[in-house]
Amino acid sequence: MTLSISLIVNGEQKDIALEDPRATLLDVLRDRVGLTGTKKGCDRGQCGACTVLVDGRRINSCLALAASQDGAEVTTIEGLATGDDLHPLQAAFIEADGFQCGYCTPGQIMSALGLIREGLADNDPERIREGMSGNICRCAAYQGITEAVIKGHKAMTDTGESQI
């Protein structure tokens, strides 16, 4: 049985035929759409490496069935930069040294973007750490991540981009 779904991924319509209705959004993004920036960490929704935005909200794509996202707008890390111009959060992660090995970074950035757009990042480090607690960094770059969220939020607010 083949199930057809349609997603808007980073602004582009993607019509996908699912041979397995149990396929996760993460697997569809990586294996069918070819966007490998979203990482498979724990595959259990515990690490946040697979975080993407679906209709503007943060989700762990390893827990979401692709079939249940039919018609949704999905934003991945690949959809943030404009050509060679980094998104303010991407630039802030570099400036604040918000990563070490980089494996969790796409999920961290997508979670930070969701946090900001949800209005939960008010430049309070404790509140940011709490809001980002679903994203694990095995290298423990949390200080840099928190600073990056603050810097990115400021840059996005200055340009008016932090609104949903």
N, C-alpha and C. Protein backbone atom coordinates (compact mmCIF):
# COMPACT_ATOMS: atom_id res chain seq x y z
N MET A 1 0.84 -1.18 0.00
CA MET A 1 0.00 0.00 0.00
C MET A 1 0.88 1.24 0.00
N THR A 2 0.64 2.15 -0.90
CA THR A 2 1.37 3.41 -0.98
C THR A 2 0.44 4.53 -0.53
N LEU A 3 1.00 5.40 0.29
CA LEU A 3 0.27 6.55 0.80
C LEU A 3 0.93 7.81 0.26
N SER A 4 0.17 8.67 -0.36
CA SER A 4 0.71 9.92 -0.91
C SER A 4 0.49 11.06 0.07
N ILE A 5 1.56 11.81 0.32
CA ILE A 5 1.45 13.00 1.17
C ILE A 5 2.08 14.18 0.44
N SER A 6 1.71 15.35 0.89
CA SER A 6 2.26 16.57 0.33
C SER A 6 2.75 17.43 1.48
N LEU A 7 3.97 17.89 1.38
CA LEU A 7 4.56 18.77 2.39
C LEU A 7 5.10 20.01 1.70
N ILE A 8 5.12 21.11 2.43
CA ILE A 8 5.83 22.29 1.96
C ILE A 8 7.10 22.33 2.81
N VAL A 9 8.22 22.01 2.19
CA VAL A 9 9.49 21.93 2.90
C VAL A 9 10.37 23.10 2.48
N ASN A 10 10.66 23.95 3.45
CA ASN A 10 11.48 25.15 3.19
C ASN A 10 10.93 25.95 2.01
N GLY A 11 9.60 26.04 1.96
CA GLY A 11 8.94 26.83 0.93
C GLY A 11 8.68 26.12 -0.38
N GLU A 12 9.11 24.87 -0.52
CA GLU A 12 8.91 24.12 -1.77
C GLU A 12 7.94 22.97 -1.55
N GLN A 13 7.00 22.84 -2.49
CA GLN A 13 6.04 21.75 -2.45
C GLN A 13 6.75 20.42 -2.72
N LYS A 14 6.52 19.43 -1.87
CA LYS A 14 7.09 18.09 -2.04
C LYS A 14 5.96 17.08 -1.97
N ASP A 15 5.74 16.37 -3.07
CA ASP A 15 4.76 15.30 -3.10
C ASP A 15 5.52 14.00 -2.94
N ILE A 16 5.17 13.22 -1.92
CA ILE A 16 5.95 12.05 -1.55
C ILE A 16 5.03 10.85 -1.46
N ALA A 17 5.45 9.76 -2.08
CA ALA A 17 4.74 8.49 -1.99
C ALA A 17 5.41 7.66 -0.90
N LEU A 18 4.68 7.38 0.16
CA LEU A 18 5.22 6.59 1.27
C LEU A 18 4.85 5.12 1.08
N GLU A 19 5.87 4.29 0.97
CA GLU A 19 5.62 2.85 0.89
C GLU A 19 5.29 2.29 2.27
N ASP A 20 5.83 2.94 3.30
CA ASP A 20 5.60 2.51 4.68
C ASP A 20 4.88 3.64 5.42
N PRO A 21 3.64 3.47 5.79
CA PRO A 21 2.91 4.54 6.48
C PRO A 21 3.48 4.84 7.86
N ARG A 22 4.41 4.02 8.35
CA ARG A 22 5.05 4.26 9.65
C ARG A 22 6.32 5.10 9.54
N ALA A 23 6.64 5.57 8.35
CA ALA A 23 7.85 6.38 8.15
C ALA A 23 7.75 7.67 8.96
N THR A 24 8.84 8.01 9.62
CA THR A 24 8.86 9.25 10.40
C THR A 24 9.18 10.44 9.49
N LEU A 25 8.82 11.61 9.97
CA LEU A 25 9.16 12.83 9.24
C LEU A 25 10.66 12.94 9.08
N LEU A 26 11.41 12.58 10.12
CA LEU A 26 12.88 12.62 10.05
C LEU A 26 13.39 11.77 8.90
N ASP A 27 12.93 10.54 8.79
CA ASP A 27 13.41 9.66 7.73
C ASP A 27 13.00 10.16 6.35
N VAL A 28 11.81 10.72 6.23
CA VAL A 28 11.37 11.26 4.95
C VAL A 28 12.23 12.46 4.56
N LEU A 29 12.50 13.35 5.51
CA LEU A 29 13.33 14.52 5.21
C LEU A 29 14.73 14.11 4.76
N ARG A 30 15.32 13.17 5.47
CA ARG A 30 16.70 12.75 5.17
C ARG A 30 16.78 11.87 3.93
N ASP A 31 15.94 10.83 3.88
CA ASP A 31 16.08 9.80 2.85
C ASP A 31 15.31 10.07 1.57
N ARG A 32 14.19 10.76 1.67
CA ARG A 32 13.36 10.99 0.48
C ARG A 32 13.53 12.39 -0.09
N VAL A 33 13.67 13.38 0.80
CA VAL A 33 13.80 14.76 0.33
C VAL A 33 15.28 15.14 0.16
N GLY A 34 16.18 14.42 0.83
CA GLY A 34 17.61 14.66 0.68
C GLY A 34 18.16 15.78 1.55
N LEU A 35 17.43 16.14 2.61
CA LEU A 35 17.88 17.20 3.52
C LEU A 35 18.47 16.53 4.77
N THR A 36 19.79 16.41 4.78
CA THR A 36 20.45 15.66 5.85
C THR A 36 20.94 16.52 7.00
N GLY A 37 20.59 17.80 7.00
CA GLY A 37 20.98 18.67 8.11
C GLY A 37 20.28 18.29 9.40
N THR A 38 19.05 17.81 9.30
CA THR A 38 18.32 17.34 10.47
C THR A 38 18.93 15.99 10.85
N LYS A 39 19.38 15.88 12.09
CA LYS A 39 20.15 14.70 12.51
C LYS A 39 19.31 13.68 13.25
N LYS A 40 19.69 12.42 13.08
CA LYS A 40 19.10 11.33 13.85
C LYS A 40 20.06 11.07 15.00
N GLY A 41 19.62 11.44 16.19
CA GLY A 41 20.46 11.23 17.38
C GLY A 41 20.03 9.97 18.10
N CYS A 42 19.03 10.11 18.95
CA CYS A 42 18.58 8.99 19.77
C CYS A 42 17.46 8.19 19.11
N ASP A 43 16.73 8.80 18.18
CA ASP A 43 15.57 8.20 17.52
C ASP A 43 14.46 7.86 18.52
N ARG A 44 14.45 8.58 19.65
CA ARG A 44 13.45 8.35 20.70
C ARG A 44 12.86 9.65 21.24
N GLY A 45 13.19 10.78 20.64
CA GLY A 45 12.65 12.05 21.09
C GLY A 45 13.28 12.60 22.35
N GLN A 46 14.46 12.12 22.69
CA GLN A 46 15.09 12.53 23.94
C GLN A 46 16.22 13.53 23.77
N CYS A 47 16.81 13.63 22.56
CA CYS A 47 18.01 14.47 22.42
C CYS A 47 17.77 15.78 21.69
N GLY A 48 16.76 15.86 20.84
CA GLY A 48 16.45 17.09 20.12
C GLY A 48 17.26 17.34 18.86
N ALA A 49 18.15 16.43 18.49
CA ALA A 49 18.97 16.63 17.28
C ALA A 49 18.11 16.70 16.02
N CYS A 50 16.91 16.15 16.08
CA CYS A 50 16.02 16.10 14.92
C CYS A 50 14.99 17.22 14.89
N THR A 51 15.16 18.24 15.73
CA THR A 51 14.15 19.30 15.83
C THR A 51 13.99 20.05 14.51
N VAL A 52 12.76 20.19 14.09
CA VAL A 52 12.38 21.01 12.93
C VAL A 52 11.15 21.81 13.35
N LEU A 53 10.78 22.76 12.52
CA LEU A 53 9.54 23.50 12.76
C LEU A 53 8.47 22.97 11.82
N VAL A 54 7.32 22.65 12.37
CA VAL A 54 6.16 22.23 11.58
C VAL A 54 5.06 23.24 11.87
N ASP A 55 4.66 23.92 10.82
CA ASP A 55 3.68 25.01 10.95
C ASP A 55 4.10 25.98 12.05
N GLY A 56 5.41 26.25 12.11
CA GLY A 56 5.97 27.24 13.02
C GLY A 56 6.26 26.75 14.43
N ARG A 57 5.94 25.51 14.74
CA ARG A 57 6.15 24.97 16.09
C ARG A 57 7.25 23.93 16.08
N ARG A 58 8.01 23.88 17.17
CA ARG A 58 9.10 22.91 17.30
C ARG A 58 8.55 21.50 17.52
N ILE A 59 9.12 20.55 16.79
CA ILE A 59 8.78 19.15 17.05
C ILE A 59 10.04 18.30 16.90
N ASN A 60 10.01 17.15 17.53
CA ASN A 60 11.04 16.14 17.31
C ASN A 60 10.58 15.32 16.12
N SER A 61 11.26 15.47 15.00
CA SER A 61 10.80 14.82 13.77
C SER A 61 10.95 13.31 13.81
N CYS A 62 11.74 12.79 14.75
CA CYS A 62 11.87 11.33 14.87
C CYS A 62 10.62 10.70 15.48
N LEU A 63 9.78 11.50 16.13
CA LEU A 63 8.57 10.99 16.76
C LEU A 63 7.31 11.24 15.93
N ALA A 64 7.43 12.05 14.90
CA ALA A 64 6.26 12.44 14.10
C ALA A 64 6.15 11.55 12.87
N LEU A 65 5.01 10.90 12.72
CA LEU A 65 4.77 10.14 11.50
C LEU A 65 4.62 11.12 10.33
N ALA A 66 5.30 10.84 9.25
CA ALA A 66 5.22 11.72 8.08
C ALA A 66 3.78 11.82 7.58
N ALA A 67 3.07 10.71 7.62
CA ALA A 67 1.69 10.69 7.14
C ALA A 67 0.80 11.67 7.91
N SER A 68 1.09 11.86 9.19
CA SER A 68 0.27 12.78 9.99
C SER A 68 0.61 14.24 9.73
N GLN A 69 1.66 14.50 8.95
CA GLN A 69 2.06 15.87 8.64
C GLN A 69 1.60 16.31 7.25
N ASP A 70 0.76 15.51 6.62
CA ASP A 70 0.28 15.82 5.28
C ASP A 70 -0.28 17.24 5.23
N GLY A 71 0.22 18.05 4.30
CA GLY A 71 -0.23 19.43 4.13
C GLY A 71 0.51 20.44 4.99
N ALA A 72 1.41 19.97 5.85
CA ALA A 72 2.11 20.87 6.77
C ALA A 72 3.25 21.62 6.09
N GLU A 73 3.61 22.73 6.71
CA GLU A 73 4.77 23.50 6.29
C GLU A 73 5.91 23.15 7.24
N VAL A 74 6.98 22.61 6.67
CA VAL A 74 8.12 22.14 7.45
C VAL A 74 9.33 23.03 7.16
N THR A 75 9.98 23.51 8.22
CA THR A 75 11.20 24.28 8.06
C THR A 75 12.33 23.51 8.71
N THR A 76 13.39 23.28 7.92
CA THR A 76 14.58 22.59 8.42
C THR A 76 15.74 23.58 8.44
N ILE A 77 16.85 23.15 8.97
CA ILE A 77 18.05 24.00 9.04
C ILE A 77 18.45 24.50 7.66
N GLU A 78 18.22 23.71 6.63
CA GLU A 78 18.59 24.11 5.27
C GLU A 78 17.75 25.28 4.77
N GLY A 79 16.60 25.52 5.40
CA GLY A 79 15.71 26.57 4.95
C GLY A 79 15.95 27.93 5.60
N LEU A 80 17.00 28.03 6.43
CA LEU A 80 17.20 29.29 7.15
C LEU A 80 18.08 30.29 6.40
N ALA A 81 19.19 29.86 5.90
CA ALA A 81 20.11 30.78 5.20
C ALA A 81 19.51 31.19 3.87
N THR A 82 19.89 32.36 3.41
CA THR A 82 19.50 32.84 2.08
C THR A 82 20.78 32.92 1.26
N GLY A 83 20.99 31.91 0.44
CA GLY A 83 22.24 31.84 -0.31
C GLY A 83 23.41 31.71 0.66
N ASP A 84 24.36 32.62 0.53
CA ASP A 84 25.53 32.62 1.43
C ASP A 84 25.29 33.44 2.69
N ASP A 85 24.12 34.09 2.80
CA ASP A 85 23.81 34.90 3.96
C ASP A 85 23.16 34.04 5.04
N LEU A 86 23.88 33.88 6.15
CA LEU A 86 23.37 33.07 7.24
C LEU A 86 22.18 33.74 7.91
N HIS A 87 21.30 32.92 8.45
CA HIS A 87 20.22 33.41 9.30
C HIS A 87 20.86 34.00 10.55
N PRO A 88 20.27 35.02 11.18
CA PRO A 88 20.86 35.62 12.38
C PRO A 88 21.19 34.60 13.48
N LEU A 89 20.39 33.57 13.63
CA LEU A 89 20.69 32.55 14.65
C LEU A 89 21.92 31.73 14.26
N GLN A 90 22.04 31.40 13.00
CA GLN A 90 23.22 30.66 12.55
C GLN A 90 24.48 31.48 12.80
N ALA A 91 24.42 32.76 12.44
CA ALA A 91 25.56 33.66 12.67
C ALA A 91 25.86 33.79 14.15
N ALA A 92 24.83 33.86 14.98
CA ALA A 92 25.02 33.99 16.43
C ALA A 92 25.67 32.75 17.02
N PHE A 93 25.31 31.56 16.52
CA PHE A 93 25.94 30.34 17.02
C PHE A 93 27.43 30.34 16.71
N ILE A 94 27.81 30.84 15.56
CA ILE A 94 29.23 30.93 15.22
C ILE A 94 29.92 31.96 16.10
N GLU A 95 29.32 33.14 16.21
CA GLU A 95 29.91 34.23 16.99
C GLU A 95 30.06 33.88 18.47
N ALA A 96 29.07 33.19 19.03
CA ALA A 96 29.09 32.86 20.47
C ALA A 96 29.76 31.51 20.75
N ASP A 97 30.29 30.88 19.70
CA ASP A 97 30.92 29.57 19.85
C ASP A 97 29.94 28.60 20.52
N GLY A 98 28.73 28.54 19.95
CA GLY A 98 27.65 27.74 20.51
C GLY A 98 27.65 26.30 20.06
N PHE A 99 28.79 25.78 19.69
CA PHE A 99 28.88 24.37 19.29
C PHE A 99 30.32 23.92 19.40
N GLN A 100 30.49 22.61 19.50
CA GLN A 100 31.83 22.03 19.45
C GLN A 100 31.87 21.03 18.31
N CYS A 101 31.33 19.83 18.51
CA CYS A 101 31.36 18.86 17.41
C CYS A 101 30.36 19.22 16.33
N GLY A 102 29.27 19.91 16.68
CA GLY A 102 28.30 20.39 15.71
C GLY A 102 27.15 19.44 15.41
N TYR A 103 27.19 18.23 15.93
CA TYR A 103 26.13 17.27 15.59
C TYR A 103 24.75 17.76 16.03
N CYS A 104 24.67 18.33 17.21
CA CYS A 104 23.37 18.78 17.73
C CYS A 104 22.98 20.16 17.23
N THR A 105 23.90 20.86 16.59
CA THR A 105 23.69 22.28 16.26
C THR A 105 22.45 22.54 15.40
N PRO A 106 22.17 21.76 14.35
CA PRO A 106 20.94 22.05 13.59
C PRO A 106 19.69 22.00 14.47
N GLY A 107 19.59 21.00 15.32
CA GLY A 107 18.45 20.89 16.22
C GLY A 107 18.42 22.01 17.24
N GLN A 108 19.59 22.40 17.73
CA GLN A 108 19.68 23.52 18.68
C GLN A 108 19.18 24.80 18.02
N ILE A 109 19.63 25.07 16.81
CA ILE A 109 19.24 26.29 16.11
C ILE A 109 17.74 26.29 15.81
N MET A 110 17.22 25.16 15.36
CA MET A 110 15.78 25.11 15.06
C MET A 110 14.95 25.25 16.33
N SER A 111 15.42 24.66 17.42
CA SER A 111 14.71 24.81 18.69
C SER A 111 14.76 26.26 19.17
N ALA A 112 15.93 26.89 19.03
CA ALA A 112 16.07 28.30 19.42
C ALA A 112 15.14 29.18 18.59
N LEU A 113 15.04 28.91 17.30
CA LEU A 113 14.14 29.69 16.44
C LEU A 113 12.69 29.52 16.90
N GLY A 114 12.31 28.29 17.20
CA GLY A 114 10.96 28.07 17.70
C GLY A 114 10.73 28.77 19.03
N LEU A 115 11.71 28.69 19.91
CA LEU A 115 11.63 29.34 21.22
C LEU A 115 11.40 30.84 21.06
N ILE A 116 12.17 31.45 20.17
CA ILE A 116 12.05 32.89 19.94
C ILE A 116 10.69 33.23 19.34
N ARG A 117 10.28 32.49 18.35
CA ARG A 117 9.01 32.77 17.69
C ARG A 117 7.80 32.47 18.58
N GLU A 118 7.98 31.57 19.54
CA GLU A 118 6.92 31.28 20.50
C GLU A 118 6.86 32.34 21.60
N GLY A 119 7.81 33.28 21.59
CA GLY A 119 7.84 34.34 22.59
C GLY A 119 8.39 33.90 23.93
N LEU A 120 9.14 32.83 23.95
CA LEU A 120 9.66 32.29 25.20
C LEU A 120 11.11 32.66 25.48
N ALA A 121 11.74 33.39 24.58
CA ALA A 121 13.13 33.81 24.80
C ALA A 121 13.11 35.30 25.14
N ASP A 122 13.24 35.62 26.39
CA ASP A 122 13.21 37.02 26.80
C ASP A 122 14.58 37.49 27.28
N ASN A 123 15.61 36.84 26.80
CA ASN A 123 17.01 37.14 27.13
C ASN A 123 17.36 36.81 28.58
N ASP A 124 16.53 36.05 29.24
CA ASP A 124 16.82 35.54 30.58
C ASP A 124 17.50 34.17 30.40
N PRO A 125 18.78 34.07 30.75
CA PRO A 125 19.50 32.80 30.54
C PRO A 125 18.81 31.58 31.16
N GLU A 126 18.23 31.73 32.33
CA GLU A 126 17.55 30.60 32.97
C GLU A 126 16.33 30.16 32.15
N ARG A 127 15.58 31.13 31.68
CA ARG A 127 14.39 30.81 30.89
C ARG A 127 14.78 30.17 29.55
N ILE A 128 15.86 30.67 28.95
CA ILE A 128 16.34 30.09 27.70
C ILE A 128 16.80 28.66 27.93
N ARG A 129 17.58 28.42 28.99
CA ARG A 129 18.04 27.06 29.28
C ARG A 129 16.86 26.12 29.49
N GLU A 130 15.84 26.61 30.19
CA GLU A 130 14.65 25.78 30.40
C GLU A 130 13.94 25.49 29.08
N GLY A 131 13.79 26.51 28.25
CA GLY A 131 13.13 26.35 26.96
C GLY A 131 13.89 25.47 25.99
N MET A 132 15.20 25.39 26.16
CA MET A 132 16.06 24.59 25.28
C MET A 132 16.40 23.23 25.90
N SER A 133 15.79 22.91 27.03
CA SER A 133 16.18 21.71 27.77
C SER A 133 15.92 20.41 27.02
N GLY A 134 15.10 20.43 26.01
CA GLY A 134 14.85 19.23 25.22
C GLY A 134 15.94 18.95 24.20
N ASN A 135 16.94 19.82 24.14
CA ASN A 135 18.04 19.64 23.19
C ASN A 135 19.33 19.37 23.97
N ILE A 136 19.86 18.20 23.76
CA ILE A 136 21.06 17.77 24.48
C ILE A 136 22.30 18.07 23.64
N CYS A 137 23.35 18.56 24.31
CA CYS A 137 24.65 18.77 23.68
C CYS A 137 25.64 17.90 24.44
N ARG A 138 26.11 16.86 23.81
CA ARG A 138 27.04 15.95 24.48
C ARG A 138 28.39 16.59 24.75
N CYS A 139 28.70 17.66 24.03
CA CYS A 139 29.96 18.37 24.26
C CYS A 139 29.82 19.40 25.38
N ALA A 140 28.61 19.63 25.85
CA ALA A 140 28.32 20.57 26.94
C ALA A 140 28.66 22.01 26.59
N ALA A 141 28.28 22.43 25.39
CA ALA A 141 28.52 23.81 24.95
C ALA A 141 27.35 24.71 25.35
N TYR A 142 26.73 24.43 26.47
CA TYR A 142 25.50 25.12 26.86
C TYR A 142 25.68 26.62 27.08
N GLN A 143 26.79 27.04 27.62
CA GLN A 143 27.01 28.49 27.82
C GLN A 143 27.00 29.21 26.47
N GLY A 144 27.72 28.66 25.50
CA GLY A 144 27.75 29.26 24.18
C GLY A 144 26.39 29.21 23.49
N ILE A 145 25.65 28.13 23.71
CA ILE A 145 24.31 28.00 23.12
C ILE A 145 23.39 29.08 23.70
N THR A 146 23.43 29.26 25.01
CA THR A 146 22.60 30.28 25.65
C THR A 146 22.95 31.66 25.13
N GLU A 147 24.25 31.96 25.04
CA GLU A 147 24.69 33.25 24.50
C GLU A 147 24.24 33.42 23.06
N ALA A 148 24.30 32.35 22.28
CA ALA A 148 23.89 32.42 20.87
C ALA A 148 22.41 32.72 20.75
N VAL A 149 21.59 32.13 21.62
CA VAL A 149 20.15 32.40 21.57
C VAL A 149 19.89 33.86 21.91
N ILE A 150 20.58 34.38 22.91
CA ILE A 150 20.41 35.79 23.28
C ILE A 150 20.83 36.70 22.13
N LYS A 151 22.00 36.44 21.53
CA LYS A 151 22.48 37.26 20.41
C LYS A 151 21.56 37.14 19.20
N GLY A 152 21.15 35.91 18.89
CA GLY A 152 20.27 35.69 17.76
C GLY A 152 18.92 36.35 17.95
N HIS A 153 18.40 36.28 19.17
CA HIS A 153 17.11 36.92 19.48
C HIS A 153 17.22 38.43 19.29
N LYS A 154 18.30 39.01 19.78
CA LYS A 154 18.50 40.46 19.61
C LYS A 154 18.57 40.82 18.12
N ALA A 155 19.35 40.06 17.36
CA ALA A 155 19.47 40.34 15.92
C ALA A 155 18.13 40.18 15.21
N MET A 156 17.38 39.17 15.59
CA MET A 156 16.08 38.96 14.96
C MET A 156 15.09 40.04 15.36
N THR A 157 15.14 40.48 16.61
CA THR A 157 14.25 41.55 17.07
C THR A 157 14.58 42.85 16.36
N ASP A 158 15.88 43.13 16.19
CA ASP A 158 16.30 44.35 15.49
C ASP A 158 15.79 44.41 14.07
N THR A 159 15.65 43.24 13.42
CA THR A 159 15.18 43.21 12.04
C THR A 159 13.68 42.93 11.94
N GLY A 160 13.03 42.70 13.10
CA GLY A 160 11.60 42.41 13.09
C GLY A 160 11.27 40.98 12.71
N GLU A 161 12.27 40.12 12.68
CA GLU A 161 12.09 38.74 12.22
C GLU A 161 11.59 37.80 13.31
N SER A 162 11.58 38.22 14.55
CA SER A 162 11.23 37.31 15.63
C SER A 162 9.74 37.08 15.78
N GLN A 163 8.95 37.75 14.99
CA GLN A 163 7.51 37.54 15.07
C GLN A 163 7.12 36.29 14.28
N ILE A 164 6.04 35.65 14.74
CA ILE A 164 5.54 34.44 14.05
C ILE A 164 4.95 34.84 12.71
